[in-house]
Amino acid sequence: MRNRLKIERAILDITQDELAKKIGVSRQTINSIEKNRYVPSTELALKLSKIFNKPVNDFFYLDE
């Protein structure tokens, strides 16, 4: 799975730490998601969706 989390975060002009605090995870978790080393849980993906006000599949997608 790939993601556009870093791009979406830049659009909102928020740091990894700010995003992490908003959804209740560590900055390292956000970093790991952005680098595709960690696949977020459904709950975490939905929290991100709410922050970005976009459907989950707008920033998470499966590799071809």
N, C-alpha and C. Protein backbone atom coordinates (compact mmCIF):
# COMPACT_ATOMS: atom_id res chain seq x y z
N MET A 1 0.84 -1.17 0.00
CA MET A 1 0.00 0.00 0.00
C MET A 1 0.89 1.25 0.00
N ARG A 2 0.47 2.23 -0.76
CA ARG A 2 1.18 3.50 -0.86
C ARG A 2 0.28 4.60 -0.29
N ASN A 3 0.85 5.78 -0.10
CA ASN A 3 0.03 6.87 0.41
C ASN A 3 0.53 8.23 -0.03
N ARG A 4 -0.35 9.21 0.13
CA ARG A 4 -0.05 10.61 -0.17
C ARG A 4 -0.06 11.44 1.11
N LEU A 5 0.19 10.79 2.23
CA LEU A 5 0.08 11.46 3.52
C LEU A 5 1.00 12.67 3.62
N LYS A 6 2.22 12.54 3.19
CA LYS A 6 3.17 13.65 3.27
C LYS A 6 2.68 14.85 2.43
N ILE A 7 2.14 14.56 1.26
CA ILE A 7 1.63 15.62 0.38
C ILE A 7 0.42 16.30 1.03
N GLU A 8 -0.49 15.50 1.54
CA GLU A 8 -1.69 16.06 2.17
C GLU A 8 -1.32 16.87 3.42
N ARG A 9 -0.33 16.41 4.15
CA ARG A 9 0.13 17.13 5.34
C ARG A 9 0.74 18.47 4.94
N ALA A 10 1.49 18.48 3.84
CA ALA A 10 2.10 19.73 3.35
C ALA A 10 1.02 20.72 2.91
N ILE A 11 -0.04 20.21 2.29
CA ILE A 11 -1.14 21.08 1.86
C ILE A 11 -1.75 21.81 3.06
N LEU A 12 -1.90 21.09 4.18
CA LEU A 12 -2.44 21.70 5.40
C LEU A 12 -1.38 22.47 6.18
N ASP A 13 -0.12 22.35 5.74
CA ASP A 13 1.01 23.02 6.39
C ASP A 13 1.11 22.66 7.87
N ILE A 14 1.09 21.33 8.14
CA ILE A 14 1.27 20.86 9.51
C ILE A 14 2.45 19.90 9.57
N THR A 15 3.11 19.87 10.69
CA THR A 15 4.26 18.99 10.88
C THR A 15 3.80 17.59 11.22
N GLN A 16 4.73 16.65 11.17
CA GLN A 16 4.41 15.28 11.58
C GLN A 16 3.97 15.28 13.04
N ASP A 17 4.65 16.06 13.86
CA ASP A 17 4.32 16.11 15.28
C ASP A 17 2.93 16.67 15.52
N GLU A 18 2.56 17.72 14.81
CA GLU A 18 1.22 18.30 14.95
C GLU A 18 0.14 17.30 14.54
N LEU A 19 0.37 16.62 13.42
CA LEU A 19 -0.59 15.62 12.97
C LEU A 19 -0.70 14.48 13.97
N ALA A 20 0.43 14.03 14.46
CA ALA A 20 0.45 12.94 15.43
C ALA A 20 -0.37 13.29 16.67
N LYS A 21 -0.20 14.50 17.17
CA LYS A 21 -0.94 14.93 18.36
C LYS A 21 -2.43 15.00 18.09
N LYS A 22 -2.82 15.41 16.89
CA LYS A 22 -4.25 15.52 16.55
C LYS A 22 -4.94 14.17 16.53
N ILE A 23 -4.21 13.11 16.18
CA ILE A 23 -4.86 11.80 16.08
C ILE A 23 -4.41 10.82 17.17
N GLY A 24 -3.55 11.28 18.07
CA GLY A 24 -3.19 10.47 19.24
C GLY A 24 -2.18 9.37 18.99
N VAL A 25 -1.20 9.63 18.11
CA VAL A 25 -0.11 8.68 17.88
C VAL A 25 1.22 9.41 18.01
N SER A 26 2.31 8.69 17.89
CA SER A 26 3.62 9.32 17.96
C SER A 26 4.04 9.89 16.60
N ARG A 27 4.97 10.82 16.64
CA ARG A 27 5.51 11.37 15.40
C ARG A 27 6.16 10.27 14.59
N GLN A 28 6.78 9.30 15.26
CA GLN A 28 7.42 8.19 14.57
C GLN A 28 6.40 7.35 13.79
N THR A 29 5.20 7.24 14.31
CA THR A 29 4.15 6.51 13.59
C THR A 29 3.82 7.21 12.28
N ILE A 30 3.67 8.53 12.33
CA ILE A 30 3.39 9.30 11.12
C ILE A 30 4.54 9.14 10.13
N ASN A 31 5.74 9.22 10.63
CA ASN A 31 6.92 9.06 9.77
C ASN A 31 6.93 7.68 9.11
N SER A 32 6.63 6.65 9.87
CA SER A 32 6.61 5.29 9.34
C SER A 32 5.52 5.10 8.29
N ILE A 33 4.37 5.71 8.51
CA ILE A 33 3.29 5.63 7.51
C ILE A 33 3.74 6.31 6.23
N GLU A 34 4.29 7.52 6.35
CA GLU A 34 4.73 8.28 5.17
C GLU A 34 5.78 7.52 4.36
N LYS A 35 6.63 6.76 5.05
CA LYS A 35 7.69 6.01 4.37
C LYS A 35 7.24 4.60 3.98
N ASN A 36 5.95 4.33 4.12
CA ASN A 36 5.37 3.04 3.74
C ASN A 36 5.98 1.86 4.50
N ARG A 37 6.39 2.11 5.74
CA ARG A 37 6.91 1.04 6.58
C ARG A 37 5.85 0.52 7.55
N TYR A 38 4.73 1.24 7.62
CA TYR A 38 3.67 0.88 8.55
C TYR A 38 2.33 1.10 7.87
N VAL A 39 1.48 0.10 7.91
CA VAL A 39 0.13 0.21 7.36
C VAL A 39 -0.79 0.55 8.53
N PRO A 40 -1.47 1.69 8.46
CA PRO A 40 -2.31 2.09 9.58
C PRO A 40 -3.55 1.21 9.73
N SER A 41 -4.01 1.15 10.96
CA SER A 41 -5.26 0.43 11.23
C SER A 41 -6.42 1.18 10.58
N THR A 42 -7.54 0.52 10.50
CA THR A 42 -8.75 1.16 9.97
C THR A 42 -9.11 2.39 10.81
N GLU A 43 -9.02 2.25 12.10
CA GLU A 43 -9.35 3.38 12.99
C GLU A 43 -8.42 4.57 12.73
N LEU A 44 -7.15 4.31 12.60
CA LEU A 44 -6.19 5.38 12.34
C LEU A 44 -6.42 6.02 10.96
N ALA A 45 -6.70 5.19 9.97
CA ALA A 45 -6.99 5.72 8.62
C ALA A 45 -8.23 6.61 8.64
N LEU A 46 -9.24 6.22 9.41
CA LEU A 46 -10.45 7.03 9.51
C LEU A 46 -10.20 8.35 10.24
N LYS A 47 -9.33 8.32 11.24
CA LYS A 47 -8.97 9.56 11.93
C LYS A 47 -8.24 10.51 10.97
N LEU A 48 -7.34 9.95 10.16
CA LEU A 48 -6.64 10.77 9.17
C LEU A 48 -7.63 11.34 8.16
N SER A 49 -8.58 10.53 7.75
CA SER A 49 -9.60 10.96 6.80
C SER A 49 -10.36 12.17 7.35
N LYS A 50 -10.67 12.13 8.61
CA LYS A 50 -11.40 13.23 9.25
C LYS A 50 -10.54 14.50 9.29
N ILE A 51 -9.27 14.36 9.63
CA ILE A 51 -8.36 15.52 9.68
C ILE A 51 -8.26 16.18 8.32
N PHE A 52 -8.09 15.37 7.27
CA PHE A 52 -7.89 15.91 5.92
C PHE A 52 -9.21 16.20 5.20
N ASN A 53 -10.33 15.78 5.83
CA ASN A 53 -11.64 15.99 5.24
C ASN A 53 -11.73 15.41 3.82
N LYS A 54 -11.18 14.19 3.69
CA LYS A 54 -11.18 13.48 2.41
C LYS A 54 -11.42 12.00 2.68
N PRO A 55 -11.98 11.29 1.71
CA PRO A 55 -12.12 9.84 1.88
C PRO A 55 -10.75 9.17 2.00
N VAL A 56 -10.72 8.09 2.74
CA VAL A 56 -9.46 7.35 2.95
C VAL A 56 -8.76 7.03 1.64
N ASN A 57 -9.52 6.61 0.63
CA ASN A 57 -8.88 6.19 -0.62
C ASN A 57 -8.36 7.37 -1.45
N ASP A 58 -8.54 8.61 -0.97
CA ASP A 58 -7.90 9.75 -1.63
C ASP A 58 -6.42 9.86 -1.28
N PHE A 59 -6.03 9.27 -0.15
CA PHE A 59 -4.60 9.34 0.19
C PHE A 59 -3.95 8.00 0.49
N PHE A 60 -4.71 6.92 0.54
CA PHE A 60 -4.14 5.58 0.63
C PHE A 60 -4.59 4.79 -0.58
N TYR A 61 -3.68 4.06 -1.22
CA TYR A 61 -4.04 3.28 -2.40
C TYR A 61 -3.13 2.06 -2.49
N LEU A 62 -3.64 1.02 -3.14
CA LEU A 62 -2.88 -0.22 -3.31
C LEU A 62 -1.90 -0.11 -4.46
N ASP A 63 -0.76 -0.73 -4.30
CA ASP A 63 0.22 -0.82 -5.41
C ASP A 63 -0.39 -1.62 -6.54
N GLU A 64 -0.03 -1.28 -7.75
CA GLU A 64 -0.51 -2.04 -8.92
C GLU A 64 0.21 -3.36 -9.01
